[in-house]
N, C-alpha and C. Protein backbone atom coordinates (compact mmCIF):
# COMPACT_ATOMS: atom_id res chain seq x y z
N MET A 1 -179.87 -131.98 -66.46
CA MET A 1 -180.80 -132.13 -67.56
C MET A 1 -181.53 -133.45 -67.39
N GLY A 2 -182.83 -133.43 -67.53
CA GLY A 2 -183.64 -134.63 -67.40
C GLY A 2 -183.57 -135.50 -68.65
N LYS A 3 -184.15 -136.68 -68.55
CA LYS A 3 -184.10 -137.64 -69.65
C LYS A 3 -184.80 -137.12 -70.91
N LYS A 4 -185.97 -136.54 -70.74
CA LYS A 4 -186.71 -136.04 -71.90
C LYS A 4 -185.98 -134.87 -72.54
N ALA A 5 -185.46 -133.96 -71.74
CA ALA A 5 -184.70 -132.82 -72.27
C ALA A 5 -183.44 -133.29 -72.99
N PHE A 6 -182.78 -134.32 -72.44
CA PHE A 6 -181.59 -134.88 -73.08
C PHE A 6 -181.95 -135.45 -74.45
N ALA A 7 -183.04 -136.22 -74.51
CA ALA A 7 -183.47 -136.82 -75.77
C ALA A 7 -183.82 -135.74 -76.80
N GLN A 8 -184.50 -134.68 -76.36
CA GLN A 8 -184.86 -133.60 -77.28
C GLN A 8 -183.62 -132.88 -77.79
N LYS A 9 -182.63 -132.69 -76.94
CA LYS A 9 -181.39 -132.05 -77.35
C LYS A 9 -180.64 -132.93 -78.35
N LEU A 10 -180.64 -134.23 -78.12
CA LEU A 10 -179.91 -135.16 -78.97
C LEU A 10 -180.59 -135.39 -80.31
N TYR A 11 -181.91 -135.51 -80.30
CA TYR A 11 -182.64 -135.90 -81.51
C TYR A 11 -183.56 -134.82 -82.06
N GLY A 12 -183.68 -133.70 -81.39
CA GLY A 12 -184.58 -132.66 -81.86
C GLY A 12 -185.97 -132.85 -81.30
N GLY A 13 -186.92 -132.08 -81.82
CA GLY A 13 -188.30 -132.16 -81.34
C GLY A 13 -188.97 -133.46 -81.74
N PHE A 14 -189.93 -133.87 -80.97
CA PHE A 14 -190.69 -135.08 -81.25
C PHE A 14 -192.11 -134.70 -81.60
N LYS A 15 -192.62 -135.22 -82.71
CA LYS A 15 -193.98 -134.92 -83.14
C LYS A 15 -195.00 -135.77 -82.41
N ASN A 16 -194.70 -137.05 -82.25
CA ASN A 16 -195.63 -137.99 -81.62
C ASN A 16 -195.00 -138.53 -80.34
N ILE A 17 -195.66 -138.27 -79.22
CA ILE A 17 -195.17 -138.75 -77.93
C ILE A 17 -196.21 -139.69 -77.34
N CYS A 18 -195.75 -140.87 -76.94
CA CYS A 18 -196.61 -141.86 -76.30
C CYS A 18 -196.21 -141.93 -74.83
N ASP A 19 -197.11 -141.55 -73.95
CA ASP A 19 -196.86 -141.57 -72.51
C ASP A 19 -197.56 -142.78 -71.90
N LEU A 20 -196.77 -143.71 -71.38
CA LEU A 20 -197.34 -144.94 -70.82
C LEU A 20 -197.68 -144.82 -69.34
N LYS A 21 -197.60 -143.62 -68.80
CA LYS A 21 -197.87 -143.43 -67.36
C LYS A 21 -199.29 -143.86 -66.97
N ASN A 22 -200.26 -143.52 -67.76
CA ASN A 22 -201.65 -143.81 -67.40
C ASN A 22 -202.30 -144.86 -68.29
N ASN A 23 -201.51 -145.47 -69.17
CA ASN A 23 -202.05 -146.52 -70.03
C ASN A 23 -200.90 -147.41 -70.47
N TYR A 24 -201.18 -148.33 -71.35
CA TYR A 24 -200.13 -149.19 -71.88
C TYR A 24 -200.24 -149.34 -73.39
N GLU A 25 -201.16 -148.62 -74.00
CA GLU A 25 -201.38 -148.73 -75.44
C GLU A 25 -200.21 -148.11 -76.21
N LEU A 26 -199.55 -148.90 -76.99
CA LEU A 26 -198.44 -148.43 -77.82
C LEU A 26 -198.95 -147.99 -79.18
N PHE A 27 -198.31 -147.00 -79.74
CA PHE A 27 -198.52 -146.64 -81.12
C PHE A 27 -197.20 -146.15 -81.67
N ASN A 28 -197.11 -146.05 -82.98
CA ASN A 28 -195.87 -145.56 -83.58
C ASN A 28 -195.63 -144.14 -83.11
N ALA A 29 -194.63 -143.96 -82.29
CA ALA A 29 -194.33 -142.64 -81.72
C ALA A 29 -192.83 -142.38 -81.84
N ASP A 30 -192.49 -141.11 -81.96
CA ASP A 30 -191.08 -140.73 -81.99
C ASP A 30 -190.47 -140.91 -80.61
N LEU A 31 -191.26 -140.66 -79.59
CA LEU A 31 -190.79 -140.72 -78.21
C LEU A 31 -191.80 -141.47 -77.36
N ILE A 32 -191.32 -142.46 -76.61
CA ILE A 32 -192.15 -143.20 -75.67
C ILE A 32 -191.59 -142.93 -74.28
N ILE A 33 -192.43 -142.38 -73.40
CA ILE A 33 -191.96 -142.03 -72.06
C ILE A 33 -192.69 -142.87 -71.01
N ASN A 34 -192.07 -142.96 -69.85
CA ASN A 34 -192.62 -143.71 -68.72
C ASN A 34 -192.83 -145.18 -69.05
N PHE A 35 -191.84 -145.76 -69.71
CA PHE A 35 -191.92 -147.17 -70.09
C PHE A 35 -192.19 -148.06 -68.88
N HIS A 36 -191.51 -147.79 -67.78
CA HIS A 36 -191.68 -148.57 -66.55
C HIS A 36 -193.12 -148.57 -66.06
N ASP A 37 -193.80 -147.43 -66.23
CA ASP A 37 -195.21 -147.35 -65.83
C ASP A 37 -196.09 -148.19 -66.75
N GLY A 38 -195.73 -148.26 -68.02
CA GLY A 38 -196.47 -149.12 -68.95
C GLY A 38 -196.40 -150.58 -68.54
N VAL A 39 -195.22 -150.99 -68.07
CA VAL A 39 -195.07 -152.37 -67.58
C VAL A 39 -196.00 -152.60 -66.39
N LYS A 40 -196.01 -151.65 -65.47
CA LYS A 40 -196.86 -151.78 -64.27
C LYS A 40 -198.34 -151.80 -64.66
N ASN A 41 -198.74 -150.93 -65.56
CA ASN A 41 -200.15 -150.88 -65.98
C ASN A 41 -200.60 -152.20 -66.59
N LEU A 42 -199.73 -152.82 -67.38
CA LEU A 42 -200.07 -154.13 -67.95
C LEU A 42 -200.25 -155.16 -66.85
N MET A 43 -199.33 -155.17 -65.90
CA MET A 43 -199.40 -156.13 -64.81
C MET A 43 -200.67 -155.95 -63.99
N LEU A 44 -201.07 -154.70 -63.78
CA LEU A 44 -202.30 -154.44 -63.02
C LEU A 44 -203.53 -154.97 -63.73
N LYS A 45 -203.45 -155.11 -65.06
CA LYS A 45 -204.56 -155.66 -65.84
C LYS A 45 -204.37 -157.16 -66.11
N ASN A 46 -203.40 -157.77 -65.42
CA ASN A 46 -203.08 -159.20 -65.58
C ASN A 46 -202.69 -159.55 -67.01
N ILE A 47 -201.97 -158.65 -67.66
CA ILE A 47 -201.42 -158.89 -69.00
C ILE A 47 -199.91 -159.05 -68.83
N ASP A 48 -199.35 -160.09 -69.42
CA ASP A 48 -197.92 -160.35 -69.31
C ASP A 48 -197.16 -159.26 -70.09
N PRO A 49 -196.41 -158.38 -69.40
CA PRO A 49 -195.74 -157.28 -70.09
C PRO A 49 -194.62 -157.75 -71.01
N ILE A 50 -193.99 -158.85 -70.68
CA ILE A 50 -192.90 -159.34 -71.54
C ILE A 50 -193.47 -159.76 -72.88
N ASN A 51 -194.52 -160.56 -72.88
CA ASN A 51 -195.16 -160.96 -74.14
C ASN A 51 -195.70 -159.74 -74.88
N TYR A 52 -196.37 -158.86 -74.15
CA TYR A 52 -196.99 -157.69 -74.78
C TYR A 52 -195.95 -156.87 -75.55
N PHE A 53 -194.87 -156.49 -74.89
CA PHE A 53 -193.89 -155.63 -75.55
C PHE A 53 -193.06 -156.39 -76.58
N CYS A 54 -192.73 -157.65 -76.30
CA CYS A 54 -191.94 -158.41 -77.28
C CYS A 54 -192.72 -158.64 -78.57
N GLU A 55 -194.03 -158.80 -78.46
CA GLU A 55 -194.87 -158.95 -79.67
C GLU A 55 -195.01 -157.65 -80.44
N ARG A 56 -194.65 -156.53 -79.83
CA ARG A 56 -194.82 -155.22 -80.46
C ARG A 56 -193.48 -154.49 -80.66
N LEU A 57 -192.39 -155.24 -80.70
CA LEU A 57 -191.08 -154.61 -80.87
C LEU A 57 -191.00 -153.79 -82.16
N ASN A 58 -191.76 -154.20 -83.17
CA ASN A 58 -191.75 -153.45 -84.43
C ASN A 58 -192.27 -152.03 -84.24
N LEU A 59 -193.14 -151.81 -83.26
CA LEU A 59 -193.65 -150.46 -83.00
C LEU A 59 -192.61 -149.59 -82.30
N LEU A 60 -191.57 -150.21 -81.77
CA LEU A 60 -190.56 -149.50 -81.00
C LEU A 60 -189.28 -149.25 -81.80
N GLU A 61 -189.18 -149.81 -83.00
CA GLU A 61 -187.93 -149.79 -83.76
C GLU A 61 -187.37 -148.40 -84.00
N HIS A 62 -188.21 -147.44 -84.23
CA HIS A 62 -187.74 -146.09 -84.58
C HIS A 62 -188.07 -145.07 -83.50
N SER A 63 -188.25 -145.54 -82.29
CA SER A 63 -188.64 -144.66 -81.19
C SER A 63 -187.49 -144.47 -80.21
N VAL A 64 -187.49 -143.32 -79.57
CA VAL A 64 -186.66 -143.10 -78.40
C VAL A 64 -187.51 -143.51 -77.21
N ILE A 65 -186.97 -144.35 -76.35
CA ILE A 65 -187.73 -144.88 -75.23
C ILE A 65 -187.09 -144.40 -73.93
N ILE A 66 -187.92 -143.85 -73.06
CA ILE A 66 -187.45 -143.36 -71.77
C ILE A 66 -188.21 -144.07 -70.66
N GLY A 67 -187.44 -144.57 -69.70
CA GLY A 67 -188.02 -145.19 -68.53
C GLY A 67 -187.13 -144.94 -67.33
N ASP A 68 -187.69 -145.05 -66.16
CA ASP A 68 -186.91 -144.86 -64.94
C ASP A 68 -186.23 -146.16 -64.54
N ASP A 69 -185.09 -146.03 -63.89
CA ASP A 69 -184.42 -147.18 -63.29
C ASP A 69 -185.08 -147.43 -61.95
N ILE A 70 -185.84 -148.51 -61.86
CA ILE A 70 -186.55 -148.83 -60.63
C ILE A 70 -185.87 -149.97 -59.88
N SER A 71 -184.63 -150.27 -60.26
CA SER A 71 -183.95 -151.42 -59.66
C SER A 71 -183.09 -151.08 -58.46
N CYS A 72 -182.93 -149.81 -58.17
CA CYS A 72 -182.07 -149.41 -57.05
C CYS A 72 -182.82 -149.45 -55.73
N GLY A 73 -182.07 -149.50 -54.67
CA GLY A 73 -182.68 -149.45 -53.34
C GLY A 73 -182.98 -150.83 -52.79
N VAL A 74 -183.74 -150.84 -51.73
CA VAL A 74 -184.10 -152.06 -51.05
C VAL A 74 -185.10 -152.85 -51.89
N VAL A 75 -184.89 -154.15 -51.97
CA VAL A 75 -185.82 -155.00 -52.70
C VAL A 75 -187.15 -154.99 -51.96
N PRO A 76 -188.24 -154.69 -52.68
CA PRO A 76 -189.55 -154.62 -52.01
C PRO A 76 -189.98 -155.95 -51.41
N VAL A 77 -190.67 -155.87 -50.30
CA VAL A 77 -191.25 -157.06 -49.66
C VAL A 77 -192.43 -157.55 -50.50
N ASP A 78 -193.18 -156.62 -51.07
CA ASP A 78 -194.37 -156.94 -51.85
C ASP A 78 -194.00 -157.70 -53.12
N GLU A 79 -194.64 -158.85 -53.34
CA GLU A 79 -194.33 -159.69 -54.50
C GLU A 79 -194.60 -158.97 -55.82
N PHE A 80 -195.71 -158.25 -55.90
CA PHE A 80 -196.04 -157.53 -57.13
C PHE A 80 -194.94 -156.53 -57.48
N GLU A 81 -194.48 -155.79 -56.50
CA GLU A 81 -193.43 -154.79 -56.73
C GLU A 81 -192.13 -155.45 -57.20
N ARG A 82 -191.80 -156.62 -56.64
CA ARG A 82 -190.60 -157.35 -57.07
C ARG A 82 -190.75 -157.82 -58.52
N ARG A 83 -191.91 -158.36 -58.86
CA ARG A 83 -192.14 -158.81 -60.24
C ARG A 83 -192.09 -157.64 -61.21
N TRP A 84 -192.64 -156.49 -60.79
CA TRP A 84 -192.60 -155.29 -61.63
C TRP A 84 -191.14 -154.91 -61.93
N ARG A 85 -190.32 -154.89 -60.90
CA ARG A 85 -188.89 -154.58 -61.08
C ARG A 85 -188.23 -155.59 -62.00
N ASP A 86 -188.51 -156.87 -61.79
CA ASP A 86 -187.90 -157.92 -62.62
C ASP A 86 -188.34 -157.81 -64.08
N ASN A 87 -189.64 -157.65 -64.30
CA ASN A 87 -190.15 -157.54 -65.67
C ASN A 87 -189.60 -156.32 -66.38
N THR A 88 -189.57 -155.20 -65.67
CA THR A 88 -189.05 -153.96 -66.26
C THR A 88 -187.57 -154.12 -66.60
N GLY A 89 -186.80 -154.67 -65.69
CA GLY A 89 -185.38 -154.89 -65.94
C GLY A 89 -185.13 -155.80 -67.12
N TYR A 90 -185.91 -156.87 -67.21
CA TYR A 90 -185.76 -157.79 -68.34
C TYR A 90 -186.07 -157.08 -69.66
N LEU A 91 -187.15 -156.31 -69.68
CA LEU A 91 -187.53 -155.61 -70.91
C LEU A 91 -186.49 -154.54 -71.28
N TYR A 92 -185.89 -153.88 -70.30
CA TYR A 92 -184.82 -152.94 -70.61
C TYR A 92 -183.66 -153.68 -71.28
N GLN A 93 -183.37 -154.91 -70.84
CA GLN A 93 -182.31 -155.68 -71.48
C GLN A 93 -182.65 -156.01 -72.93
N VAL A 94 -183.90 -156.41 -73.17
CA VAL A 94 -184.34 -156.71 -74.54
C VAL A 94 -184.21 -155.47 -75.42
N LEU A 95 -184.68 -154.33 -74.91
CA LEU A 95 -184.62 -153.10 -75.68
C LEU A 95 -183.18 -152.66 -75.92
N ALA A 96 -182.34 -152.75 -74.89
CA ALA A 96 -180.94 -152.33 -75.02
C ALA A 96 -180.19 -153.18 -76.03
N GLU A 97 -180.51 -154.46 -76.06
CA GLU A 97 -179.85 -155.35 -77.02
C GLU A 97 -180.15 -154.93 -78.46
N ARG A 98 -181.37 -154.50 -78.73
CA ARG A 98 -181.79 -154.12 -80.08
C ARG A 98 -181.48 -152.67 -80.42
N ALA A 99 -181.20 -151.86 -79.42
CA ALA A 99 -181.04 -150.42 -79.62
C ALA A 99 -179.70 -150.08 -80.29
N GLU A 100 -179.74 -149.00 -81.06
CA GLU A 100 -178.51 -148.46 -81.63
C GLU A 100 -177.71 -147.70 -80.58
N ARG A 101 -178.42 -147.05 -79.67
CA ARG A 101 -177.78 -146.25 -78.64
C ARG A 101 -178.55 -146.41 -77.33
N VAL A 102 -177.80 -146.47 -76.22
CA VAL A 102 -178.39 -146.55 -74.90
C VAL A 102 -177.65 -145.57 -74.00
N ASP A 103 -178.40 -144.70 -73.35
CA ASP A 103 -177.84 -143.72 -72.42
C ASP A 103 -178.50 -143.91 -71.07
N TYR A 104 -177.73 -143.67 -70.02
CA TYR A 104 -178.24 -143.69 -68.65
C TYR A 104 -178.07 -142.28 -68.11
N ILE A 105 -179.17 -141.68 -67.69
CA ILE A 105 -179.13 -140.32 -67.14
C ILE A 105 -179.30 -140.43 -65.64
N TRP A 106 -178.35 -139.92 -64.91
CA TRP A 106 -178.42 -139.94 -63.45
C TRP A 106 -177.94 -138.60 -62.93
N ALA A 107 -178.73 -137.97 -62.09
CA ALA A 107 -178.40 -136.67 -61.50
C ALA A 107 -178.08 -135.64 -62.59
N GLY A 108 -178.79 -135.75 -63.71
CA GLY A 108 -178.59 -134.80 -64.80
C GLY A 108 -177.35 -135.06 -65.63
N LEU A 109 -176.65 -136.14 -65.36
CA LEU A 109 -175.44 -136.48 -66.10
C LEU A 109 -175.71 -137.65 -67.03
N ASN A 110 -175.13 -137.60 -68.22
CA ASN A 110 -175.33 -138.64 -69.21
C ASN A 110 -174.18 -139.63 -69.17
N PHE A 111 -174.53 -140.91 -69.13
CA PHE A 111 -173.55 -141.97 -69.24
C PHE A 111 -173.93 -142.80 -70.46
N LYS A 112 -173.14 -142.70 -71.51
CA LYS A 112 -173.43 -143.44 -72.75
C LYS A 112 -172.99 -144.88 -72.55
N LEU A 113 -173.94 -145.80 -72.67
CA LEU A 113 -173.66 -147.22 -72.45
C LEU A 113 -173.44 -147.98 -73.74
N LYS A 114 -174.05 -147.49 -74.83
CA LYS A 114 -173.96 -148.19 -76.12
C LYS A 114 -174.16 -147.19 -77.25
N GLY A 115 -173.43 -147.41 -78.34
CA GLY A 115 -173.63 -146.60 -79.55
C GLY A 115 -172.68 -145.49 -79.78
């Protein structure tokens, strides 16, 4: 079961979905997907993703947030890719600290980390 299917099973249907794959604009949404891509999109526009998301934590308070784990594998040679991984990882820590529940989905299996 994928991350989105897991979230729908756990919390039911979502009326408002914010997909950060092709943008970074946040709005009050039940489900926010592709969080990691939102971080990258901000960086590509020379916007600090840590400041951006930390200033908008109130928009995330009641949302389910889904992002990919981009920290595995060989550390990229490219500086931008390394910063993207670092920024995304840091923001996942910020979100996990504030979250009521944190799950890690790997190979269709759920690992409950918090809550």
